[in-house]
Amino acid sequence: MSRILIGLVRLYQRYLSPILPDSCRYWPTCSTYMIDALKKHGLLLGLIMGIARILRCNPFVRGGVDPVPDKFTIFRNPHPERYEDEVIAQAFHTEQKAKKG
């Protein structure tokens, strides 16, 4: 069932997302977050995390780097710098330097 949901998200990414304006405030995007959450936490928990992320992505938050955490939570990842992906960790550190400078 997770594969079907991932397939639907990929269809969205390929056909619908390109015609819509860029609006995601987070990196990785909400659709990529949903796929990662489904792969990492399974159908039920991954779906809950993905939906919570979509609800967090609104004009009233500043966004930023927010990868899928290793433990289930509906809240923003408190430590993105610990994420195993070097690109995400580097993006977090770049964001922190920009705030200080």
PDB file of N, CA and C in Angstrom:
ATOM      1  N   MET A   1       0.821  -1.201   0.000  1.00  0.00           N
ATOM      2  CA  MET A   1       0.000   0.000   0.000  1.00  0.00           C
ATOM      3  C   MET A   1       0.867   1.269   0.000  1.00  0.00           C
ATOM      4  N   SER A   2       2.016   1.202   0.704  1.00  0.00           N
ATOM      5  CA  SER A   2       2.923   2.348   0.706  1.00  0.00           C
ATOM      6  C   SER A   2       3.395   2.669  -0.700  1.00  0.00           C
ATOM      7  N   ARG A   3       3.651   1.619  -1.476  1.00  0.00           N
ATOM      8  CA  ARG A   3       4.127   1.828  -2.849  1.00  0.00           C
ATOM      9  C   ARG A   3       3.094   2.576  -3.691  1.00  0.00           C
ATOM     10  N   ILE A   4       1.840   2.276  -3.480  1.00  0.00           N
ATOM     11  CA  ILE A   4       0.781   2.966  -4.235  1.00  0.00           C
ATOM     12  C   ILE A   4       0.770   4.452  -3.877  1.00  0.00           C
ATOM     13  N   LEU A   5       0.873   4.731  -2.591  1.00  0.00           N
ATOM     14  CA  LEU A   5       0.883   6.126  -2.142  1.00  0.00           C
ATOM     15  C   LEU A   5       2.118   6.859  -2.649  1.00  0.00           C
ATOM     16  N   ILE A   6       3.267   6.197  -2.608  1.00  0.00           N
ATOM     17  CA  ILE A   6       4.493   6.795  -3.139  1.00  0.00           C
ATOM     18  C   ILE A   6       4.338   7.061  -4.632  1.00  0.00           C
ATOM     19  N   GLY A   7       3.724   6.127  -5.350  1.00  0.00           N
ATOM     20  CA  GLY A   7       3.472   6.317  -6.783  1.00  0.00           C
ATOM     21  C   GLY A   7       2.581   7.518  -7.049  1.00  0.00           C
ATOM     22  N   LEU A   8       1.564   7.707  -6.220  1.00  0.00           N
ATOM     23  CA  LEU A   8       0.672   8.863  -6.381  1.00  0.00           C
ATOM     24  C   LEU A   8       1.420  10.176  -6.127  1.00  0.00           C
ATOM     25  N   VAL A   9       2.284  10.172  -5.123  1.00  0.00           N
ATOM     26  CA  VAL A   9       3.066  11.384  -4.838  1.00  0.00           C
ATOM     27  C   VAL A   9       4.018  11.671  -5.999  1.00  0.00           C
ATOM     28  N   ARG A  10       4.620  10.631  -6.556  1.00  0.00           N
ATOM     29  CA  ARG A  10       5.527  10.827  -7.693  1.00  0.00           C
ATOM     30  C   ARG A  10       4.768  11.351  -8.925  1.00  0.00           C
ATOM     31  N   LEU A  11       3.539  10.889  -9.116  1.00  0.00           N
ATOM     32  CA  LEU A  11       2.716  11.437 -10.204  1.00  0.00           C
ATOM     33  C   LEU A  11       2.458  12.928  -9.967  1.00  0.00           C
ATOM     34  N   TYR A  12       2.148  13.274  -8.736  1.00  0.00           N
ATOM     35  CA  TYR A  12       1.970  14.690  -8.384  1.00  0.00           C
ATOM     36  C   TYR A  12       3.239  15.473  -8.703  1.00  0.00           C
ATOM     37  N   GLN A  13       4.406  14.939  -8.286  1.00  0.00           N
ATOM     38  CA  GLN A  13       5.674  15.629  -8.514  1.00  0.00           C
ATOM     39  C   GLN A  13       5.953  15.819 -10.000  1.00  0.00           C
ATOM     40  N   ARG A  14       5.600  14.842 -10.780  1.00  0.00           N
ATOM     41  CA  ARG A  14       5.937  14.894 -12.201  1.00  0.00           C
ATOM     42  C   ARG A  14       4.977  15.745 -13.027  1.00  0.00           C
ATOM     43  N   TYR A  15       3.674  15.640 -12.730  1.00  0.00           N
ATOM     44  CA  TYR A  15       2.693  16.277 -13.616  1.00  0.00           C
ATOM     45  C   TYR A  15       1.998  17.510 -13.025  1.00  0.00           C
ATOM     46  N   LEU A  16       1.717  17.515 -11.763  1.00  0.00           N
ATOM     47  CA  LEU A  16       0.956  18.616 -11.193  1.00  0.00           C
ATOM     48  C   LEU A  16       1.856  19.708 -10.599  1.00  0.00           C
ATOM     49  N   SER A  17       2.873  19.306  -9.871  1.00  0.00           N
ATOM     50  CA  SER A  17       3.764  20.266  -9.228  1.00  0.00           C
ATOM     51  C   SER A  17       4.420  21.259 -10.195  1.00  0.00           C
ATOM     52  N   PRO A  18       4.870  20.821 -11.376  1.00  0.00           N
ATOM     53  CA  PRO A  18       5.518  21.782 -12.290  1.00  0.00           C
ATOM     54  C   PRO A  18       4.606  22.907 -12.782  1.00  0.00           C
ATOM     55  N   ILE A  19       3.299  22.680 -12.790  1.00  0.00           N
ATOM     56  CA  ILE A  19       2.401  23.732 -13.281  1.00  0.00           C
ATOM     57  C   ILE A  19       1.911  24.649 -12.154  1.00  0.00           C
ATOM     58  N   LEU A  20       2.228  24.284 -10.903  1.00  0.00           N
ATOM     59  CA  LEU A  20       1.856  25.111  -9.760  1.00  0.00           C
ATOM     60  C   LEU A  20       3.025  26.004  -9.361  1.00  0.00           C
ATOM     61  N   PRO A  21       2.758  27.152  -8.757  1.00  0.00           N
ATOM     62  CA  PRO A  21       3.867  28.008  -8.301  1.00  0.00           C
ATOM     63  C   PRO A  21       4.608  27.343  -7.135  1.00  0.00           C
ATOM     64  N   ASP A  22       5.908  27.627  -7.020  1.00  0.00           N
ATOM     65  CA  ASP A  22       6.691  27.107  -5.902  1.00  0.00           C
ATOM     66  C   ASP A  22       6.146  27.704  -4.614  1.00  0.00           C
ATOM     67  N   SER A  23       5.758  26.837  -3.693  1.00  0.00           N
ATOM     68  CA  SER A  23       5.189  27.368  -2.459  1.00  0.00           C
ATOM     69  C   SER A  23       5.668  26.655  -1.207  1.00  0.00           C
ATOM     70  N   CYS A  24       6.427  25.576  -1.343  1.00  0.00           N
ATOM     71  CA  CYS A  24       6.890  24.845  -0.170  1.00  0.00           C
ATOM     72  C   CYS A  24       7.956  25.663   0.549  1.00  0.00           C
ATOM     73  N   ARG A  25       7.807  25.781   1.855  1.00  0.00           N
ATOM     74  CA  ARG A  25       8.706  26.583   2.673  1.00  0.00           C
ATOM     75  C   ARG A  25       9.836  25.755   3.275  1.00  0.00           C
ATOM     76  N   TYR A  26       9.819  24.464   3.024  1.00  0.00           N
ATOM     77  CA  TYR A  26      10.800  23.570   3.626  1.00  0.00           C
ATOM     78  C   TYR A  26      11.691  22.920   2.578  1.00  0.00           C
ATOM     79  N   TRP A  27      12.817  22.410   3.073  1.00  0.00           N
ATOM     80  CA  TRP A  27      13.686  21.589   2.236  1.00  0.00           C
ATOM     81  C   TRP A  27      14.016  20.349   3.018  1.00  0.00           C
ATOM     82  N   PRO A  28      13.791  19.159   2.536  1.00  0.00           N
ATOM     83  CA  PRO A  28      13.220  18.815   1.242  1.00  0.00           C
ATOM     84  C   PRO A  28      11.744  19.208   1.160  1.00  0.00           C
ATOM     85  N   THR A  29      11.240  19.247  -0.054  1.00  0.00           N
ATOM     86  CA  THR A  29       9.852  19.668  -0.259  1.00  0.00           C
ATOM     87  C   THR A  29       8.899  18.719   0.462  1.00  0.00           C
ATOM     88  N   CYS A  30       7.675  19.145   0.628  1.00  0.00           N
ATOM     89  CA  CYS A  30       6.684  18.339   1.336  1.00  0.00           C
ATOM     90  C   CYS A  30       6.417  17.007   0.629  1.00  0.00           C
ATOM     91  N   SER A  31       6.419  17.005  -0.686  1.00  0.00           N
ATOM     92  CA  SER A  31       6.176  15.743  -1.400  1.00  0.00           C
ATOM     93  C   SER A  31       7.347  14.776  -1.206  1.00  0.00           C
ATOM     94  N   THR A  32       8.566  15.280  -1.229  1.00  0.00           N
ATOM     95  CA  THR A  32       9.731  14.434  -0.977  1.00  0.00           C
ATOM     96  C   THR A  32       9.726  13.959   0.469  1.00  0.00           C
ATOM     97  N   TYR A  33       9.334  14.830   1.381  1.00  0.00           N
ATOM     98  CA  TYR A  33       9.224  14.462   2.800  1.00  0.00           C
ATOM     99  C   TYR A  33       8.227  13.314   2.957  1.00  0.00           C
ATOM    100  N   MET A  34       7.087  13.406   2.282  1.00  0.00           N
ATOM    101  CA  MET A  34       6.065  12.358   2.366  1.00  0.00           C
ATOM    102  C   MET A  34       6.644  11.018   1.903  1.00  0.00           C
ATOM    103  N   ILE A  35       7.348  11.012   0.783  1.00  0.00           N
ATOM    104  CA  ILE A  35       7.942   9.774   0.269  1.00  0.00           C
ATOM    105  C   ILE A  35       8.961   9.232   1.264  1.00  0.00           C
ATOM    106  N   ASP A  36       9.832  10.090   1.780  1.00  0.00           N
ATOM    107  CA  ASP A  36      10.845   9.657   2.745  1.00  0.00           C
ATOM    108  C   ASP A  36      10.203   9.113   4.026  1.00  0.00           C
ATOM    109  N   ALA A  37       9.159   9.776   4.496  1.00  0.00           N
ATOM    110  CA  ALA A  37       8.473   9.325   5.713  1.00  0.00           C
ATOM    111  C   ALA A  37       7.815   7.964   5.488  1.00  0.00           C
ATOM    112  N   LEU A  38       7.208   7.767   4.326  1.00  0.00           N
ATOM    113  CA  LEU A  38       6.586   6.481   4.021  1.00  0.00           C
ATOM    114  C   LEU A  38       7.631   5.371   3.958  1.00  0.00           C
ATOM    115  N   LYS A  39       8.770   5.662   3.357  1.00  0.00           N
ATOM    116  CA  LYS A  39       9.834   4.655   3.267  1.00  0.00           C
ATOM    117  C   LYS A  39      10.435   4.343   4.636  1.00  0.00           C
ATOM    118  N   LYS A  40      10.599   5.368   5.459  1.00  0.00           N
ATOM    119  CA  LYS A  40      11.290   5.199   6.738  1.00  0.00           C
ATOM    120  C   LYS A  40      10.374   4.661   7.835  1.00  0.00           C
ATOM    121  N   HIS A  41       9.099   5.083   7.835  1.00  0.00           N
ATOM    122  CA  HIS A  41       8.215   4.757   8.955  1.00  0.00           C
ATOM    123  C   HIS A  41       7.005   3.901   8.585  1.00  0.00           C
ATOM    124  N   GLY A  42       6.864   3.543   7.323  1.00  0.00           N
ATOM    125  CA  GLY A  42       5.740   2.706   6.933  1.00  0.00           C
ATOM    126  C   GLY A  42       4.501   3.514   6.593  1.00  0.00           C
ATOM    127  N   LEU A  43       3.456   2.798   6.213  1.00  0.00           N
ATOM    128  CA  LEU A  43       2.248   3.435   5.687  1.00  0.00           C
ATOM    129  C   LEU A  43       1.562   4.352   6.699  1.00  0.00           C
ATOM    130  N   LEU A  44       1.177   3.841   7.848  1.00  0.00           N
ATOM    131  CA  LEU A  44       0.374   4.629   8.781  1.00  0.00           C
ATOM    132  C   LEU A  44       1.165   5.798   9.384  1.00  0.00           C
ATOM    133  N   LEU A  45       2.308   5.505   9.990  1.00  0.00           N
ATOM    134  CA  LEU A  45       3.087   6.573  10.622  1.00  0.00           C
ATOM    135  C   LEU A  45       3.651   7.543   9.583  1.00  0.00           C
ATOM    136  N   GLY A  46       4.096   7.019   8.442  1.00  0.00           N
ATOM    137  CA  GLY A  46       4.622   7.877   7.380  1.00  0.00           C
ATOM    138  C   GLY A  46       3.559   8.813   6.836  1.00  0.00           C
ATOM    139  N   LEU A  47       2.351   8.307   6.671  1.00  0.00           N
ATOM    140  CA  LEU A  47       1.248   9.129   6.181  1.00  0.00           C
ATOM    141  C   LEU A  47       0.902  10.227   7.196  1.00  0.00           C
ATOM    142  N   ILE A  48       0.877   9.865   8.471  1.00  0.00           N
ATOM    143  CA  ILE A  48       0.598  10.856   9.511  1.00  0.00           C
ATOM    144  C   ILE A  48       1.675  11.939   9.510  1.00  0.00           C
ATOM    145  N   MET A  49       2.942  11.531   9.421  1.00  0.00           N
ATOM    146  CA  MET A  49       4.038  12.505   9.405  1.00  0.00           C
ATOM    147  C   MET A  49       3.969  13.405   8.174  1.00  0.00           C
ATOM    148  N   GLY A  50       3.661  12.812   7.018  1.00  0.00           N
ATOM    149  CA  GLY A  50       3.561  13.592   5.786  1.00  0.00           C
ATOM    150  C   GLY A  50       2.431  14.608   5.829  1.00  0.00           C
ATOM    151  N   ILE A  51       1.295  14.196   6.350  1.00  0.00           N
ATOM    152  CA  ILE A  51       0.153  15.109   6.465  1.00  0.00           C
ATOM    153  C   ILE A  51       0.459  16.229   7.461  1.00  0.00           C
ATOM    154  N   ALA A  52       1.106  15.871   8.584  1.00  0.00           N
ATOM    155  CA  ALA A  52       1.480  16.894   9.575  1.00  0.00           C
ATOM    156  C   ALA A  52       2.435  17.905   8.960  1.00  0.00           C
ATOM    157  N   ARG A  53       3.351  17.429   8.127  1.00  0.00           N
ATOM    158  CA  ARG A  53       4.305  18.335   7.464  1.00  0.00           C
ATOM    159  C   ARG A  53       3.576  19.274   6.509  1.00  0.00           C
ATOM    160  N   ILE A  54       2.640  18.752   5.746  1.00  0.00           N
ATOM    161  CA  ILE A  54       1.869  19.582   4.818  1.00  0.00           C
ATOM    162  C   ILE A  54       1.099  20.660   5.587  1.00  0.00           C
ATOM    163  N   LEU A  55       0.545  20.286   6.734  1.00  0.00           N
ATOM    164  CA  LEU A  55      -0.171  21.267   7.554  1.00  0.00           C
ATOM    165  C   LEU A  55       0.763  22.323   8.143  1.00  0.00           C
ATOM    166  N   ARG A  56       2.022  21.945   8.400  1.00  0.00           N
ATOM    167  CA  ARG A  56       3.007  22.913   8.911  1.00  0.00           C
ATOM    168  C   ARG A  56       3.492  23.861   7.830  1.00  0.00           C
ATOM    169  N   CYS A  57       3.364  23.494   6.592  1.00  0.00           N
ATOM    170  CA  CYS A  57       3.873  24.288   5.471  1.00  0.00           C
ATOM    171  C   CYS A  57       2.821  25.337   5.090  1.00  0.00           C
ATOM    172  N   ASN A  58       2.904  26.483   5.732  1.00  0.00           N
ATOM    173  CA  ASN A  58       1.931  27.539   5.483  1.00  0.00           C
ATOM    174  C   ASN A  58       2.627  28.891   5.601  1.00  0.00           C
ATOM    175  N   PRO A  59       1.962  29.958   5.213  1.00  0.00           N
ATOM    176  CA  PRO A  59       2.597  31.282   5.215  1.00  0.00           C
ATOM    177  C   PRO A  59       2.997  31.810   6.592  1.00  0.00           C
ATOM    178  N   PHE A  60       2.562  31.165   7.654  1.00  0.00           N
ATOM    179  CA  PHE A  60       2.837  31.667   8.997  1.00  0.00           C
ATOM    180  C   PHE A  60       4.084  31.051   9.623  1.00  0.00           C
ATOM    181  N   VAL A  61       4.802  30.202   8.889  1.00  0.00           N
ATOM    182  CA  VAL A  61       6.061  29.616   9.380  1.00  0.00           C
ATOM    183  C   VAL A  61       7.187  30.036   8.454  1.00  0.00           C
ATOM    184  N   ARG A  62       8.392  30.092   8.991  1.00  0.00           N
ATOM    185  CA  ARG A  62       9.525  30.506   8.158  1.00  0.00           C
ATOM    186  C   ARG A  62      10.092  29.365   7.335  1.00  0.00           C
ATOM    187  N   GLY A  63       9.802  28.112   7.684  1.00  0.00           N
ATOM    188  CA  GLY A  63      10.298  26.966   6.924  1.00  0.00           C
ATOM    189  C   GLY A  63      11.742  26.667   7.252  1.00  0.00           C
ATOM    190  N   GLY A  64      12.473  26.173   6.270  1.00  0.00           N
ATOM    191  CA  GLY A  64      13.881  25.842   6.462  1.00  0.00           C
ATOM    192  C   GLY A  64      14.139  24.377   6.211  1.00  0.00           C
ATOM    193  N   VAL A  65      15.253  23.901   6.729  1.00  0.00           N
ATOM    194  CA  VAL A  65      15.650  22.507   6.549  1.00  0.00           C
ATOM    195  C   VAL A  65      14.885  21.650   7.552  1.00  0.00           C
ATOM    196  N   ASP A  66      14.181  20.635   7.069  1.00  0.00           N
ATOM    197  CA  ASP A  66      13.364  19.780   7.930  1.00  0.00           C
ATOM    198  C   ASP A  66      13.288  18.372   7.353  1.00  0.00           C
ATOM    199  N   PRO A  67      14.347  17.569   7.492  1.00  0.00           N
ATOM    200  CA  PRO A  67      14.309  16.202   6.989  1.00  0.00           C
ATOM    201  C   PRO A  67      13.463  15.300   7.894  1.00  0.00           C
ATOM    202  N   VAL A  68      13.111  14.130   7.403  1.00  0.00           N
ATOM    203  CA  VAL A  68      12.346  13.160   8.177  1.00  0.00           C
ATOM    204  C   VAL A  68      13.221  12.648   9.329  1.00  0.00           C
ATOM    205  N   PRO A  69      12.752  12.802  10.582  1.00  0.00           N
ATOM    206  CA  PRO A  69      13.549  12.309  11.699  1.00  0.00           C
ATOM    207  C   PRO A  69      13.498  10.778  11.793  1.00  0.00           C
ATOM    208  N   ASP A  70      14.443  10.212  12.528  1.00  0.00           N
ATOM    209  CA  ASP A  70      14.494   8.757  12.688  1.00  0.00           C
ATOM    210  C   ASP A  70      13.361   8.233  13.556  1.00  0.00           C
ATOM    211  N   LYS A  71      12.914   9.045  14.503  1.00  0.00           N
ATOM    212  CA  LYS A  71      11.814   8.641  15.377  1.00  0.00           C
ATOM    213  C   LYS A  71      10.540   9.358  14.944  1.00  0.00           C
ATOM    214  N   PHE A  72       9.416   8.657  15.101  1.00  0.00           N
ATOM    215  CA  PHE A  72       8.121   9.218  14.718  1.00  0.00           C
ATOM    216  C   PHE A  72       7.805  10.464  15.528  1.00  0.00           C
ATOM    217  N   THR A  73       7.404  11.507  14.830  1.00  0.00           N
ATOM    218  CA  THR A  73       6.912  12.730  15.460  1.00  0.00           C
ATOM    219  C   THR A  73       6.107  13.509  14.425  1.00  0.00           C
ATOM    220  N   ILE A  74       5.171  14.291  14.916  1.00  0.00           N
ATOM    221  CA  ILE A  74       4.426  15.143  13.991  1.00  0.00           C
ATOM    222  C   ILE A  74       4.990  16.556  13.986  1.00  0.00           C
ATOM    223  N   PHE A  75       6.049  16.759  14.754  1.00  0.00           N
ATOM    224  CA  PHE A  75       6.663  18.079  14.851  1.00  0.00           C
ATOM    225  C   PHE A  75       7.901  18.173  13.967  1.00  0.00           C
ATOM    226  N   ARG A  76       8.362  19.378  13.774  1.00  0.00           N
ATOM    227  CA  ARG A  76       9.550  19.641  12.972  1.00  0.00           C
ATOM    228  C   ARG A  76      10.772  18.934  13.569  1.00  0.00           C
ATOM    229  N   ASN A  77      11.664  18.481  12.714  1.00  0.00           N
ATOM    230  CA  ASN A  77      12.874  17.813  13.159  1.00  0.00           C
ATOM    231  C   ASN A  77      13.721  18.803  13.955  1.00  0.00           C
ATOM    232  N   PRO A  78      13.966  18.544  15.253  1.00  0.00           N
ATOM    233  CA  PRO A  78      14.698  19.516  16.066  1.00  0.00           C
ATOM    234  C   PRO A  78      16.198  19.558  15.772  1.00  0.00           C
ATOM    235  N   HIS A  79      16.732  18.523  15.136  1.00  0.00           N
ATOM    236  CA  HIS A  79      18.170  18.470  14.886  1.00  0.00           C
ATOM    237  C   HIS A  79      18.471  18.058  13.445  1.00  0.00           C
ATOM    238  N   PRO A  80      18.183  18.930  12.469  1.00  0.00           N
ATOM    239  CA  PRO A  80      18.464  18.553  11.077  1.00  0.00           C
ATOM    240  C   PRO A  80      19.952  18.392  10.795  1.00  0.00           C
ATOM    241  N   GLU A  81      20.811  19.001  11.614  1.00  0.00           N
ATOM    242  CA  GLU A  81      22.248  18.890  11.385  1.00  0.00           C
ATOM    243  C   GLU A  81      22.751  17.468  11.621  1.00  0.00           C
ATOM    244  N   ARG A  82      21.980  16.656  12.310  1.00  0.00           N
ATOM    245  CA  ARG A  82      22.375  15.266  12.573  1.00  0.00           C
ATOM    246  C   ARG A  82      21.917  14.312  11.474  1.00  0.00           C
ATOM    247  N   TYR A  83      21.222  14.830  10.490  1.00  0.00           N
ATOM    248  CA  TYR A  83      20.700  13.989   9.420  1.00  0.00           C
ATOM    249  C   TYR A  83      21.849  13.388   8.624  1.00  0.00           C
ATOM    250  N   GLU A  84      21.676  12.151   8.174  1.00  0.00           N
ATOM    251  CA  GLU A  84      22.767  11.448   7.510  1.00  0.00           C
ATOM    252  C   GLU A  84      23.083  11.965   6.106  1.00  0.00           C
ATOM    253  N   ASP A  85      22.202  12.730   5.522  1.00  0.00           N
ATOM    254  CA  ASP A  85      22.418  13.253   4.176  1.00  0.00           C
ATOM    255  C   ASP A  85      23.290  14.509   4.257  1.00  0.00           C
ATOM    256  N   GLU A  86      24.444  14.492   3.611  1.00  0.00           N
ATOM    257  CA  GLU A  86      25.385  15.618   3.677  1.00  0.00           C
ATOM    258  C   GLU A  86      24.792  16.902   3.102  1.00  0.00           C
ATOM    259  N   VAL A  87      23.992  16.784   2.051  1.00  0.00           N
ATOM    260  CA  VAL A  87      23.409  17.969   1.418  1.00  0.00           C
ATOM    261  C   VAL A  87      22.464  18.672   2.394  1.00  0.00           C
ATOM    262  N   ILE A  88      21.648  17.902   3.097  1.00  0.00           N
ATOM    263  CA  ILE A  88      20.716  18.486   4.056  1.00  0.00           C
ATOM    264  C   ILE A  88      21.475  19.108   5.219  1.00  0.00           C
ATOM    265  N   ALA A  89      22.454  18.393   5.745  1.00  0.00           N
ATOM    266  CA  ALA A  89      23.239  18.931   6.851  1.00  0.00           C
ATOM    267  C   ALA A  89      23.954  20.211   6.431  1.00  0.00           C
ATOM    268  N   GLN A  90      24.492  20.233   5.226  1.00  0.00           N
ATOM    269  CA  GLN A  90      25.180  21.424   4.736  1.00  0.00           C
ATOM    270  C   GLN A  90      24.194  22.578   4.557  1.00  0.00           C
ATOM    271  N   ALA A  91      22.997  22.299   4.046  1.00  0.00           N
ATOM    272  CA  ALA A  91      21.984  23.338   3.880  1.00  0.00           C
ATOM    273  C   ALA A  91      21.609  23.922   5.244  1.00  0.00           C
ATOM    274  N   PHE A  92      21.542  23.076   6.267  1.00  0.00           N
ATOM    275  CA  PHE A  92      21.231  23.561   7.609  1.00  0.00           C
ATOM    276  C   PHE A  92      22.325  24.501   8.100  1.00  0.00           C
ATOM    277  N   HIS A  93      23.577  24.100   7.935  1.00  0.00           N
ATOM    278  CA  HIS A  93      24.685  24.923   8.412  1.00  0.00           C
ATOM    279  C   HIS A  93      24.779  26.243   7.641  1.00  0.00           C
ATOM    280  N   THR A  94      24.469  26.225   6.351  1.00  0.00           N
ATOM    281  CA  THR A  94      24.454  27.445   5.548  1.00  0.00           C
ATOM    282  C   THR A  94      23.366  28.389   6.056  1.00  0.00           C
ATOM    283  N   GLU A  95      22.214  27.825   6.383  1.00  0.00           N
ATOM    284  CA  GLU A  95      21.100  28.618   6.901  1.00  0.00           C
ATOM    285  C   GLU A  95      21.483  29.252   8.242  1.00  0.00           C
ATOM    286  N   GLN A  96      22.175  28.516   9.102  1.00  0.00           N
ATOM    287  CA  GLN A  96      22.587  29.031  10.402  1.00  0.00           C
ATOM    288  C   GLN A  96      23.606  30.171  10.243  1.00  0.00           C
ATOM    289  N   LYS A  97      24.545  30.033   9.293  1.00  0.00           N
ATOM    290  CA  LYS A  97      25.532  31.085   9.053  1.00  0.00           C
ATOM    291  C   LYS A  97      24.865  32.356   8.554  1.00  0.00           C
ATOM    292  N   ALA A  98      23.849  32.205   7.694  1.00  0.00           N
ATOM    293  CA  ALA A  98      23.145  33.358   7.152  1.00  0.00           C
ATOM    294  C   ALA A  98      22.411  34.120   8.266  1.00  0.00           C
ATOM    295  N   LYS A  99      21.895  33.396   9.243  1.00  0.00           N
ATOM    296  CA  LYS A  99      21.207  34.050  10.358  1.00  0.00           C
ATOM    297  C   LYS A  99      22.171  34.860  11.210  1.00  0.00           C
ATOM    298  N   LYS A 100      23.378  34.328  11.392  1.00  0.00           N
ATOM    299  CA  LYS A 100      24.362  35.007  12.229  1.00  0.00           C
ATOM    300  C   LYS A 100      24.999  36.201  11.513  1.00  0.00           C
ATOM    301  N   GLY A 101      25.126  36.091  10.178  1.00  0.00           N
ATOM    302  CA  GLY A 101      25.833  37.132   9.411  1.00  0.00           C
ATOM    303  C   GLY A 101      24.956  38.162   8.913  1.00  0.00           C
TER     304      GLY A 101
END
